[in-house]
Each structure stands twice: as structure tokens, then as C-alpha cells.
Amino acid sequence: MYFILDKDMIEESIVAHLPGASRGFAPTVPLVEIVNAILYKLKAGVHWRLLPVKALFSDKILCWQSVYYHYRKWCLSGTWKDCWIKILNAHRSDLDLSSVDLDGSHTPAKRGGAAIDYQGRKKARTTNSLYLTDRQGVPLAMSEPVAGNHNDLFDIEVQFELVTATLEEADIPVKGLFLNADAGFDSKEFRGYCNEKQINANICYNKRNGDIDREEYFDQELYDQRYAVERTNAWMDSHRSLLNRFDTTPESWKGFNYLAFMVIALKKFKKMKNEKV
């Protein structure tokens, strides 16, 4: 069988957090194999109907429709986000929260759907989401996807609340965090939201706002470390189901994002563990 992640890792860190069947028939194959098939789709970016199911199941073979059924069910129930929060909570000591990075990312959308619109810079219809990473580049949280014609500050109070709420649900305090963000986030409103949460906002000055007698905190040396979030964007794009958005619903799109968070983080945590041995 072909595994995207180590089988034991999938079993212990993902399957352990999946809900059991509340009604109907239980799955006829191990959940670890269903999750692995979904991770294959995430990594390879193939159409659901082209999943190589014979190579992904050891005994009984599920059709692609059954794999998609489980994926969609867990998307609609918010299971992937719940799994991610539990993984974050379990690995809090492995995170480097000396500072965090916030960035927005526009993804070309190929099939239309919700939260999609034309973005002039990309010259394409896109979806925009905000991503938060730790100092190592480990993804921590994401906002709700919004149509690509909106900039990073669109509905920022609500979106930033969703991002910080993910950390709080994982028992990661946001008070005292140093947050790096580029000039696209340079606004009095966003700085005010950070101040309310006692987050130290290290935001690059936007020249459009003027740069005379700016008194806001800005540490250039700390800001130079922001390359980590750009590297994380490249890691995310290596999962071809995220490089371009083919999902027409935000729930499915978010599901693949949280799965990519899990793959990136679990591989990182395993590497850290091996280095300590």
C-alpha cells in the first residue's frame, strides 16, 4: 500500500480523533485507509474518480464515491478542524511561539462556487484566506475563505477572531504574542484588535498611510524572520489540491487546508522527535 503519512501516525494522530458512526453501518474498511486515500487526493490533486483505490486499500476496496462520502461528511461536521485543534493541543510544547506570522494567500479557483471572485493582481478568480504560522513555519490557524476581490483587511475583526479562537481552543494563549504582518495589514483598526487581545503587532508600515512620525512598534529584525510564512505557503502549495481550488464549497476547501496543516505539522514534529533521540 502507498501511504502519504506513516500508518501509525495516521492512526494515532488523526483516526483517534474521528467520531464513530452514530447511525447506519460502520465503515467496512479500516478508517486509517480511508484517511490515507483522502490524503492521497490532497497530495496528488487527482480527480476523485481517478483515485488509485486498488493501491490504497489492502483488503476490501472502496470505490471513490465512498471515499468522497466520508471526506464530505467529516467536512460538514467540522471534524477536520476539531482534529487539528486536538493535534495542536497535544503538541503545544513542540511549537515555537516566540513570534507568529500572519499572511493572506489568494488561490486560483477553477470551477466557481462560493467565496470566489476576480482578483486583478492574479488576473483570475480567486479565494483569499488568512494563515497564521509559528516561528518554524508550522501552520496554526486559518480564517474563513472570502472572495478574491477582497483584500486582507476585509472583515478583519471577524476573521482575526476566528484565527485567534483556534489557538484558544487548543489552550494556546494569545496574550503576549509577537505577531509579524506585512504592510497590507497596516491599519488602525487591525492594530486596535491586536491591542485588545494584548498581542504585540509588528506590522510593516504601509507607505500609503504615510511614514512621518509613526509611533507604532516595529522591529525590522523580527520582521525579517517573516520569510517563514512564505515558506509555509510553498509547503501548502506542494499539496496539489490546494495549489488550485477545484472545490465549489468552502467546507471542502477548508477540509483540505486543515489536512495539509496536519501533514506538515506531524512530519515536523516527528523530525524534531528523531533529532532529540
C-alpha atoms as a PDB file:
ATOM      1  CA  MET A   1       0.000   0.000   0.000  1.00  0.00           C
ATOM      2  CA  TYR A   2       1.031   3.592  -0.640  1.00  0.00           C
ATOM      3  CA  PHE A   3       0.914   5.856   2.436  1.00  0.00           C
ATOM      4  CA  ILE A   4       1.186   9.655   2.466  1.00  0.00           C
ATOM      5  CA  LEU A   5       1.904   9.635   6.203  1.00  0.00           C
ATOM      6  CA  ASP A   6       3.198   6.821   8.363  1.00  0.00           C
ATOM      7  CA  LYS A   7       0.317   4.430   9.072  1.00  0.00           C
ATOM      8  CA  ASP A   8       0.825   4.595  12.847  1.00  0.00           C
ATOM      9  CA  MET A   9       0.923   8.387  12.662  1.00  0.00           C
ATOM     10  CA  ILE A  10      -2.428   8.471  10.852  1.00  0.00           C
ATOM     11  CA  GLU A  11      -3.889   6.019  13.364  1.00  0.00           C
ATOM     12  CA  GLU A  12      -2.648   7.784  16.481  1.00  0.00           C
ATOM     13  CA  SER A  13      -2.945  11.431  15.478  1.00  0.00           C
ATOM     14  CA  ILE A  14      -5.918  11.585  13.086  1.00  0.00           C
ATOM     15  CA  VAL A  15      -8.094   8.482  13.252  1.00  0.00           C
ATOM     16  CA  ALA A  16      -8.078   8.616  17.062  1.00  0.00           C
ATOM     17  CA  HIS A  17      -9.966  11.929  16.840  1.00  0.00           C
ATOM     18  CA  LEU A  18     -12.542  10.895  14.232  1.00  0.00           C
ATOM     19  CA  PRO A  19     -16.100  10.405  15.528  1.00  0.00           C
ATOM     20  CA  GLY A  20     -17.617   6.939  15.495  1.00  0.00           C
ATOM     21  CA  ALA A  21     -20.656   6.142  13.379  1.00  0.00           C
ATOM     22  CA  SER A  22     -23.746   7.497  15.156  1.00  0.00           C
ATOM     23  CA  ARG A  23     -26.174   5.598  12.947  1.00  0.00           C
ATOM     24  CA  GLY A  24     -26.230   3.326   9.952  1.00  0.00           C
ATOM     25  CA  PHE A  25     -23.455   0.913   9.097  1.00  0.00           C
ATOM     26  CA  ALA A  26     -19.880   1.236  10.291  1.00  0.00           C
ATOM     27  CA  PRO A  27     -17.167   1.510   7.606  1.00  0.00           C
ATOM     28  CA  THR A  28     -16.228  -1.868   6.125  1.00  0.00           C
ATOM     29  CA  VAL A  29     -12.537  -0.938   5.827  1.00  0.00           C
ATOM     30  CA  PRO A  30     -10.100   0.478   8.406  1.00  0.00           C
ATOM     31  CA  LEU A  31     -10.512   4.229   8.887  1.00  0.00           C
ATOM     32  CA  VAL A  32      -6.753   4.640   8.529  1.00  0.00           C
ATOM     33  CA  GLU A  33      -7.029   3.503   4.898  1.00  0.00           C
ATOM     34  CA  ILE A  34      -9.911   5.885   4.182  1.00  0.00           C
ATOM     35  CA  VAL A  35      -7.950   8.794   5.648  1.00  0.00           C
ATOM     36  CA  ASN A  36      -4.876   7.760   3.668  1.00  0.00           C
ATOM     37  CA  ALA A  37      -6.918   7.768   0.443  1.00  0.00           C
ATOM     38  CA  ILE A  38      -8.117  11.296   1.254  1.00  0.00           C
ATOM     39  CA  LEU A  39      -4.523  12.368   1.939  1.00  0.00           C
ATOM     40  CA  TYR A  40      -3.526  10.939  -1.447  1.00  0.00           C
ATOM     41  CA  LYS A  41      -6.155  13.125  -3.084  1.00  0.00           C
ATOM     42  CA  LEU A  42      -4.809  16.113  -1.116  1.00  0.00           C
ATOM     43  CA  LYS A  43      -1.206  15.486  -2.182  1.00  0.00           C
ATOM     44  CA  ALA A  44      -1.683  14.356  -5.783  1.00  0.00           C
ATOM     45  CA  GLY A  45      -4.588  16.635  -6.694  1.00  0.00           C
ATOM     46  CA  VAL A  46      -6.231  13.973  -8.859  1.00  0.00           C
ATOM     47  CA  HIS A  47      -9.957  13.980  -9.544  1.00  0.00           C
ATOM     48  CA  TRP A  48     -11.879  11.907  -7.046  1.00  0.00           C
ATOM     49  CA  ARG A  49     -12.881   9.443  -9.740  1.00  0.00           C
ATOM     50  CA  LEU A  50      -9.195   8.875 -10.578  1.00  0.00           C
ATOM     51  CA  LEU A  51      -8.163   7.776  -7.073  1.00  0.00           C
ATOM     52  CA  PRO A  52      -5.994   4.629  -7.410  1.00  0.00           C
ATOM     53  CA  VAL A  53      -8.177   2.767  -4.916  1.00  0.00           C
ATOM     54  CA  LYS A  54      -6.584  -0.619  -5.646  1.00  0.00           C
ATOM     55  CA  ALA A  55      -3.250   0.730  -4.415  1.00  0.00           C
ATOM     56  CA  LEU A  56      -4.759   2.475  -1.400  1.00  0.00           C
ATOM     57  CA  PHE A  57      -6.763  -0.354   0.189  1.00  0.00           C
ATOM     58  CA  SER A  58      -5.305  -3.624   1.413  1.00  0.00           C
ATOM     59  CA  ASP A  59      -8.307  -5.970   1.536  1.00  0.00           C
ATOM     60  CA  LYS A  60     -11.769  -4.709   0.687  1.00  0.00           C
ATOM     61  CA  ILE A  61     -11.567  -1.904  -1.873  1.00  0.00           C
ATOM     62  CA  LEU A  62     -13.781   1.147  -1.534  1.00  0.00           C
ATOM     63  CA  CYS A  63     -14.961   2.980  -4.636  1.00  0.00           C
ATOM     64  CA  TRP A  64     -14.022   6.647  -4.973  1.00  0.00           C
ATOM     65  CA  GLN A  65     -17.616   7.680  -4.210  1.00  0.00           C
ATOM     66  CA  SER A  66     -17.341   6.087  -0.755  1.00  0.00           C
ATOM     67  CA  VAL A  67     -14.058   7.842  -0.035  1.00  0.00           C
ATOM     68  CA  TYR A  68     -15.599  11.145  -1.070  1.00  0.00           C
ATOM     69  CA  TYR A  69     -18.668  10.443   1.066  1.00  0.00           C
ATOM     70  CA  HIS A  70     -16.527  10.105   4.191  1.00  0.00           C
ATOM     71  CA  TYR A  71     -14.457  13.179   3.331  1.00  0.00           C
ATOM     72  CA  ARG A  72     -17.528  15.325   2.728  1.00  0.00           C
ATOM     73  CA  LYS A  73     -19.231  14.044   5.880  1.00  0.00           C
ATOM     74  CA  TRP A  74     -16.233  14.999   8.017  1.00  0.00           C
ATOM     75  CA  CYS A  75     -16.015  18.394   6.282  1.00  0.00           C
ATOM     76  CA  LEU A  76     -19.625  19.279   7.014  1.00  0.00           C
ATOM     77  CA  SER A  77     -19.329  18.210  10.659  1.00  0.00           C
ATOM     78  CA  GLY A  78     -16.185  20.314  11.209  1.00  0.00           C
ATOM     79  CA  THR A  79     -14.254  17.169  12.089  1.00  0.00           C
ATOM     80  CA  TRP A  80     -11.046  18.158  10.313  1.00  0.00           C
ATOM     81  CA  LYS A  81     -10.779  21.405  12.253  1.00  0.00           C
ATOM     82  CA  ASP A  82     -11.534  19.576  15.502  1.00  0.00           C
ATOM     83  CA  CYS A  83      -8.780  17.058  14.725  1.00  0.00           C
ATOM     84  CA  TRP A  84      -6.348  19.865  14.028  1.00  0.00           C
ATOM     85  CA  ILE A  85      -7.137  21.636  17.299  1.00  0.00           C
ATOM     86  CA  LYS A  86      -6.529  18.408  19.227  1.00  0.00           C
ATOM     87  CA  ILE A  87      -3.201  17.884  17.441  1.00  0.00           C
ATOM     88  CA  LEU A  88      -2.178  21.464  18.274  1.00  0.00           C
ATOM     89  CA  ASN A  89      -3.124  20.939  21.897  1.00  0.00           C
ATOM     90  CA  ALA A  90      -1.134  17.707  22.123  1.00  0.00           C
ATOM     91  CA  HIS A  91       1.991  19.298  20.597  1.00  0.00           C
ATOM     92  CA  ARG A  92       1.968  22.714  22.266  1.00  0.00           C
ATOM     93  CA  SER A  93       5.458  22.108  23.642  1.00  0.00           C
ATOM     94  CA  ASP A  94       6.775  21.487  20.102  1.00  0.00           C
ATOM     95  CA  LEU A  95       5.632  24.888  18.808  1.00  0.00           C
ATOM     96  CA  ASP A  96       7.906  27.926  18.686  1.00  0.00           C
ATOM     97  CA  LEU A  97       5.699  30.821  19.742  1.00  0.00           C
ATOM     98  CA  SER A  98       8.494  33.335  20.226  1.00  0.00           C
ATOM     99  CA  SER A  99       6.658  35.068  17.389  1.00  0.00           C
ATOM    100  CA  VAL A 100       3.964  34.220  14.851  1.00  0.00           C
ATOM    101  CA  ASP A 101       3.381  35.297  11.253  1.00  0.00           C
ATOM    102  CA  LEU A 102       0.108  36.315   9.605  1.00  0.00           C
ATOM    103  CA  ASP A 103      -0.329  36.353   5.845  1.00  0.00           C
ATOM    104  CA  GLY A 104      -3.083  36.267   3.252  1.00  0.00           C
ATOM    105  CA  SER A 105      -2.988  33.909   0.289  1.00  0.00           C
ATOM    106  CA  HIS A 106      -5.016  34.057  -2.934  1.00  0.00           C
ATOM    107  CA  THR A 107      -5.728  30.715  -4.584  1.00  0.00           C
ATOM    108  CA  PRO A 108      -6.978  30.473  -8.199  1.00  0.00           C
ATOM    109  CA  ALA A 109     -10.441  28.884  -8.315  1.00  0.00           C
ATOM    110  CA  LYS A 110     -11.088  26.785 -11.401  1.00  0.00           C
ATOM    111  CA  ARG A 111     -14.701  25.647 -11.040  1.00  0.00           C
ATOM    112  CA  GLY A 112     -16.502  28.546  -9.424  1.00  0.00           C
ATOM    113  CA  GLY A 113     -18.555  28.212  -6.263  1.00  0.00           C
ATOM    114  CA  ALA A 114     -18.878  30.155  -3.023  1.00  0.00           C
ATOM    115  CA  ALA A 115     -16.297  32.706  -1.748  1.00  0.00           C
ATOM    116  CA  ILE A 116     -14.800  33.273  -5.206  1.00  0.00           C
ATOM    117  CA  ASP A 117     -14.375  36.449  -7.288  1.00  0.00           C
ATOM    118  CA  TYR A 118     -11.972  38.106  -9.724  1.00  0.00           C
ATOM    119  CA  GLN A 119      -8.632  39.313  -8.336  1.00  0.00           C
ATOM    120  CA  GLY A 120      -6.841  41.810 -10.569  1.00  0.00           C
ATOM    121  CA  ARG A 121      -3.294  41.087  -9.369  1.00  0.00           C
ATOM    122  CA  LYS A 122      -3.693  37.372 -10.068  1.00  0.00           C
ATOM    123  CA  LYS A 123      -5.764  38.025 -13.214  1.00  0.00           C
ATOM    124  CA  ALA A 124      -8.004  35.171 -12.152  1.00  0.00           C
ATOM    125  CA  ARG A 125     -10.937  34.317  -9.955  1.00  0.00           C
ATOM    126  CA  THR A 126      -9.546  33.503  -6.529  1.00  0.00           C
ATOM    127  CA  THR A 127     -10.305  32.691  -2.932  1.00  0.00           C
ATOM    128  CA  ASN A 128      -8.469  34.559  -0.180  1.00  0.00           C
ATOM    129  CA  SER A 129      -7.729  33.214   3.306  1.00  0.00           C
ATOM    130  CA  LEU A 130      -5.538  34.367   6.178  1.00  0.00           C
ATOM    131  CA  TYR A 131      -2.976  31.953   7.636  1.00  0.00           C
ATOM    132  CA  LEU A 132      -1.111  32.081  10.935  1.00  0.00           C
ATOM    133  CA  THR A 133       2.157  30.173  11.488  1.00  0.00           C
ATOM    134  CA  ASP A 134       4.638  29.776  14.321  1.00  0.00           C
ATOM    135  CA  ARG A 135       8.315  30.795  14.106  1.00  0.00           C
ATOM    136  CA  GLN A 136       9.216  27.445  12.486  1.00  0.00           C
ATOM    137  CA  GLY A 137       6.579  27.856   9.808  1.00  0.00           C
ATOM    138  CA  VAL A 138       4.226  25.287  11.341  1.00  0.00           C
ATOM    139  CA  PRO A 139       0.683  26.335  10.365  1.00  0.00           C
ATOM    140  CA  LEU A 140      -1.517  27.202  13.329  1.00  0.00           C
ATOM    141  CA  ALA A 141      -4.840  28.545  12.091  1.00  0.00           C
ATOM    142  CA  MET A 142      -6.748  29.951   9.134  1.00  0.00           C
ATOM    143  CA  SER A 143      -9.630  32.340   8.602  1.00  0.00           C
ATOM    144  CA  GLU A 144     -12.822  31.699   6.682  1.00  0.00           C
ATOM    145  CA  PRO A 145     -12.200  31.870   2.914  1.00  0.00           C
ATOM    146  CA  VAL A 146     -13.544  35.035   1.261  1.00  0.00           C
ATOM    147  CA  ALA A 147     -13.953  36.101  -2.360  1.00  0.00           C
ATOM    148  CA  GLY A 148     -10.700  37.132  -4.015  1.00  0.00           C
ATOM    149  CA  ASN A 149     -11.839  40.678  -4.816  1.00  0.00           C
ATOM    150  CA  HIS A 150     -11.428  41.476  -1.100  1.00  0.00           C
ATOM    151  CA  ASN A 151      -8.081  42.446   0.415  1.00  0.00           C
ATOM    152  CA  ASP A 152      -6.529  41.012   3.574  1.00  0.00           C
ATOM    153  CA  LEU A 153      -8.216  43.585   5.808  1.00  0.00           C
ATOM    154  CA  PHE A 154     -11.739  42.704   4.671  1.00  0.00           C
ATOM    155  CA  ASP A 155     -13.899  41.885   7.697  1.00  0.00           C
ATOM    156  CA  ILE A 156     -10.641  41.653   9.640  1.00  0.00           C
ATOM    157  CA  GLU A 157     -12.210  41.806  13.100  1.00  0.00           C
ATOM    158  CA  VAL A 158     -14.303  38.682  12.446  1.00  0.00           C
ATOM    159  CA  GLN A 159     -11.571  36.846  10.538  1.00  0.00           C
ATOM    160  CA  PHE A 160      -8.880  37.574  13.126  1.00  0.00           C
ATOM    161  CA  GLU A 161     -11.240  36.470  15.880  1.00  0.00           C
ATOM    162  CA  LEU A 162     -11.623  33.104  14.126  1.00  0.00           C
ATOM    163  CA  VAL A 163      -7.848  32.744  13.817  1.00  0.00           C
ATOM    164  CA  THR A 164      -7.144  33.516  17.477  1.00  0.00           C
ATOM    165  CA  ALA A 165     -10.102  31.406  18.625  1.00  0.00           C
ATOM    166  CA  THR A 166      -8.439  28.341  17.091  1.00  0.00           C
ATOM    167  CA  LEU A 167      -5.382  28.905  19.281  1.00  0.00           C
ATOM    168  CA  GLU A 168      -7.504  29.453  22.363  1.00  0.00           C
ATOM    169  CA  GLU A 169      -9.458  26.241  21.717  1.00  0.00           C
ATOM    170  CA  ALA A 170      -6.098  24.433  21.652  1.00  0.00           C
ATOM    171  CA  ASP A 171      -5.203  26.036  25.023  1.00  0.00           C
ATOM    172  CA  ILE A 172      -2.575  28.240  23.401  1.00  0.00           C
ATOM    173  CA  PRO A 173      -2.734  31.728  24.950  1.00  0.00           C
ATOM    174  CA  VAL A 174      -2.602  34.652  22.540  1.00  0.00           C
ATOM    175  CA  LYS A 175      -1.767  37.235  25.188  1.00  0.00           C
ATOM    176  CA  GLY A 176       1.784  38.485  24.748  1.00  0.00           C
ATOM    177  CA  LEU A 177       2.346  37.027  21.259  1.00  0.00           C
ATOM    178  CA  PHE A 178       4.558  38.962  18.857  1.00  0.00           C
ATOM    179  CA  LEU A 179       2.785  38.974  15.504  1.00  0.00           C
ATOM    180  CA  ASN A 180       4.526  39.726  12.203  1.00  0.00           C
ATOM    181  CA  ALA A 181       2.406  41.006   9.308  1.00  0.00           C
ATOM    182  CA  ASP A 182       3.153  42.791   6.057  1.00  0.00           C
ATOM    183  CA  ALA A 183       2.082  46.292   5.039  1.00  0.00           C
ATOM    184  CA  GLY A 184      -1.274  45.018   3.812  1.00  0.00           C
ATOM    185  CA  PHE A 185      -2.349  44.761   7.459  1.00  0.00           C
ATOM    186  CA  ASP A 186      -1.222  48.267   8.410  1.00  0.00           C
ATOM    187  CA  SER A 187      -4.448  49.830   9.682  1.00  0.00           C
ATOM    188  CA  LYS A 188      -5.541  51.455  12.915  1.00  0.00           C
ATOM    189  CA  GLU A 189      -8.443  49.018  13.196  1.00  0.00           C
ATOM    190  CA  PHE A 190      -6.282  45.905  12.981  1.00  0.00           C
ATOM    191  CA  ARG A 191      -3.681  47.310  15.348  1.00  0.00           C
ATOM    192  CA  GLY A 192      -6.549  48.083  17.726  1.00  0.00           C
ATOM    193  CA  TYR A 193      -7.834  44.480  17.589  1.00  0.00           C
ATOM    194  CA  CYS A 194      -4.342  43.200  18.361  1.00  0.00           C
ATOM    195  CA  ASN A 195      -4.050  45.632  21.263  1.00  0.00           C
ATOM    196  CA  GLU A 196      -7.391  44.456  22.686  1.00  0.00           C
ATOM    197  CA  LYS A 197      -6.047  40.897  22.747  1.00  0.00           C
ATOM    198  CA  GLN A 198      -2.708  42.108  24.152  1.00  0.00           C
ATOM    199  CA  ILE A 199      -0.900  40.908  21.037  1.00  0.00           C
ATOM    200  CA  ASN A 200       2.241  42.825  20.045  1.00  0.00           C
ATOM    201  CA  ALA A 201       1.620  43.741  16.401  1.00  0.00           C
ATOM    202  CA  ASN A 202       4.856  44.027  14.419  1.00  0.00           C
ATOM    203  CA  ILE A 203       3.370  45.335  11.178  1.00  0.00           C
ATOM    204  CA  CYS A 204       5.403  46.840   8.355  1.00  0.00           C
ATOM    205  CA  TYR A 205       4.406  50.438   7.636  1.00  0.00           C
ATOM    206  CA  ASN A 206       2.287  50.960   4.549  1.00  0.00           C
ATOM    207  CA  LYS A 207       3.633  53.945   2.613  1.00  0.00           C
ATOM    208  CA  ARG A 208       0.101  54.825   1.546  1.00  0.00           C
ATOM    209  CA  ASN A 209      -0.668  55.591   5.180  1.00  0.00           C
ATOM    210  CA  GLY A 210       2.284  57.988   5.433  1.00  0.00           C
ATOM    211  CA  ASP A 211       5.545  57.317   7.226  1.00  0.00           C
ATOM    212  CA  ILE A 212       6.092  60.586   9.072  1.00  0.00           C
ATOM    213  CA  ASP A 213       6.319  60.404  12.876  1.00  0.00           C
ATOM    214  CA  ARG A 214       4.936  56.879  13.080  1.00  0.00           C
ATOM    215  CA  GLU A 215       4.946  55.853  16.720  1.00  0.00           C
ATOM    216  CA  GLU A 216       3.682  52.289  16.341  1.00  0.00           C
ATOM    217  CA  TYR A 217       6.015  49.484  17.390  1.00  0.00           C
ATOM    218  CA  PHE A 218       8.054  47.982  14.553  1.00  0.00           C
ATOM    219  CA  ASP A 219      11.084  45.711  14.834  1.00  0.00           C
ATOM    220  CA  GLN A 220      12.793  45.260  11.463  1.00  0.00           C
ATOM    221  CA  GLU A 221      14.981  42.374  12.684  1.00  0.00           C
ATOM    222  CA  LEU A 222      11.931  40.466  13.868  1.00  0.00           C
ATOM    223  CA  TYR A 223      10.071  41.297  10.662  1.00  0.00           C
ATOM    224  CA  ASP A 224      12.916  39.860   8.601  1.00  0.00           C
ATOM    225  CA  GLN A 225      12.060  36.457  10.084  1.00  0.00           C
ATOM    226  CA  ARG A 226       8.692  36.612   8.340  1.00  0.00           C
ATOM    227  CA  TYR A 227      10.116  34.565   5.444  1.00  0.00           C
ATOM    228  CA  ALA A 228       8.914  31.525   7.416  1.00  0.00           C
ATOM    229  CA  VAL A 229       5.286  32.103   6.459  1.00  0.00           C
ATOM    230  CA  GLU A 230       6.239  32.406   2.777  1.00  0.00           C
ATOM    231  CA  ARG A 231       7.983  29.057   3.081  1.00  0.00           C
ATOM    232  CA  THR A 232       4.832  27.634   4.641  1.00  0.00           C
ATOM    233  CA  ASN A 233       2.831  28.877   1.644  1.00  0.00           C
ATOM    234  CA  ALA A 234       5.178  26.861  -0.568  1.00  0.00           C
ATOM    235  CA  TRP A 235       4.667  23.783   1.641  1.00  0.00           C
ATOM    236  CA  MET A 236       0.910  24.233   1.342  1.00  0.00           C
ATOM    237  CA  ASP A 237       1.146  24.568  -2.454  1.00  0.00           C
ATOM    238  CA  SER A 238       3.045  21.272  -2.634  1.00  0.00           C
ATOM    239  CA  HIS A 239      -0.335  19.681  -1.896  1.00  0.00           C
ATOM    240  CA  ARG A 240      -1.817  19.938  -5.348  1.00  0.00           C
ATOM    241  CA  SER A 241      -5.436  20.011  -4.197  1.00  0.00           C
ATOM    242  CA  LEU A 242      -4.535  23.380  -2.626  1.00  0.00           C
ATOM    243  CA  LEU A 243      -2.428  24.800  -5.449  1.00  0.00           C
ATOM    244  CA  ASN A 244      -5.652  25.461  -7.355  1.00  0.00           C
ATOM    245  CA  ARG A 245      -9.116  25.346  -5.850  1.00  0.00           C
ATOM    246  CA  PHE A 246     -11.473  22.907  -7.565  1.00  0.00           C
ATOM    247  CA  ASP A 247     -13.817  22.584  -4.577  1.00  0.00           C
ATOM    248  CA  THR A 248     -17.009  24.578  -5.031  1.00  0.00           C
ATOM    249  CA  THR A 249     -17.877  24.711  -1.333  1.00  0.00           C
ATOM    250  CA  PRO A 250     -15.874  26.459   1.420  1.00  0.00           C
ATOM    251  CA  GLU A 251     -16.294  23.421   3.706  1.00  0.00           C
ATOM    252  CA  SER A 252     -14.409  21.128   1.330  1.00  0.00           C
ATOM    253  CA  TRP A 253     -11.740  23.768   0.738  1.00  0.00           C
ATOM    254  CA  LYS A 254     -11.182  24.257   4.460  1.00  0.00           C
ATOM    255  CA  GLY A 255     -11.067  20.491   4.956  1.00  0.00           C
ATOM    256  CA  PHE A 256      -8.107  20.106   2.616  1.00  0.00           C
ATOM    257  CA  ASN A 257      -6.368  23.059   4.292  1.00  0.00           C
ATOM    258  CA  TYR A 258      -6.657  21.510   7.745  1.00  0.00           C
ATOM    259  CA  LEU A 259      -5.455  18.159   6.401  1.00  0.00           C
ATOM    260  CA  ALA A 260      -2.399  19.902   4.923  1.00  0.00           C
ATOM    261  CA  PHE A 261      -1.801  21.523   8.328  1.00  0.00           C
ATOM    262  CA  MET A 262      -1.776  18.035   9.851  1.00  0.00           C
ATOM    263  CA  VAL A 263       0.616  16.566   7.286  1.00  0.00           C
ATOM    264  CA  ILE A 264       3.091  19.454   7.569  1.00  0.00           C
ATOM    265  CA  ALA A 265       2.985  19.601  11.367  1.00  0.00           C
ATOM    266  CA  LEU A 266       3.114  15.864  12.050  1.00  0.00           C
ATOM    267  CA  LYS A 267       6.122  15.433   9.763  1.00  0.00           C
ATOM    268  CA  LYS A 268       7.819  18.366  11.501  1.00  0.00           C
ATOM    269  CA  PHE A 269       7.082  17.025  14.984  1.00  0.00           C
ATOM    270  CA  LYS A 270       8.340  13.554  14.014  1.00  0.00           C
ATOM    271  CA  LYS A 271      11.578  15.051  12.691  1.00  0.00           C
ATOM    272  CA  MET A 272      12.042  17.022  15.917  1.00  0.00           C
ATOM    273  CA  LYS A 273      11.459  13.883  17.965  1.00  0.00           C
ATOM    274  CA  ASN A 274      14.002  11.894  15.947  1.00  0.00           C
ATOM    275  CA  GLU A 275      16.593  14.651  16.347  1.00  0.00           C
ATOM    276  CA  LYS A 276      16.213  14.516  20.124  1.00  0.00           C
ATOM    277  CA  VAL A 277      16.837  10.760  20.224  1.00  0.00           C
END
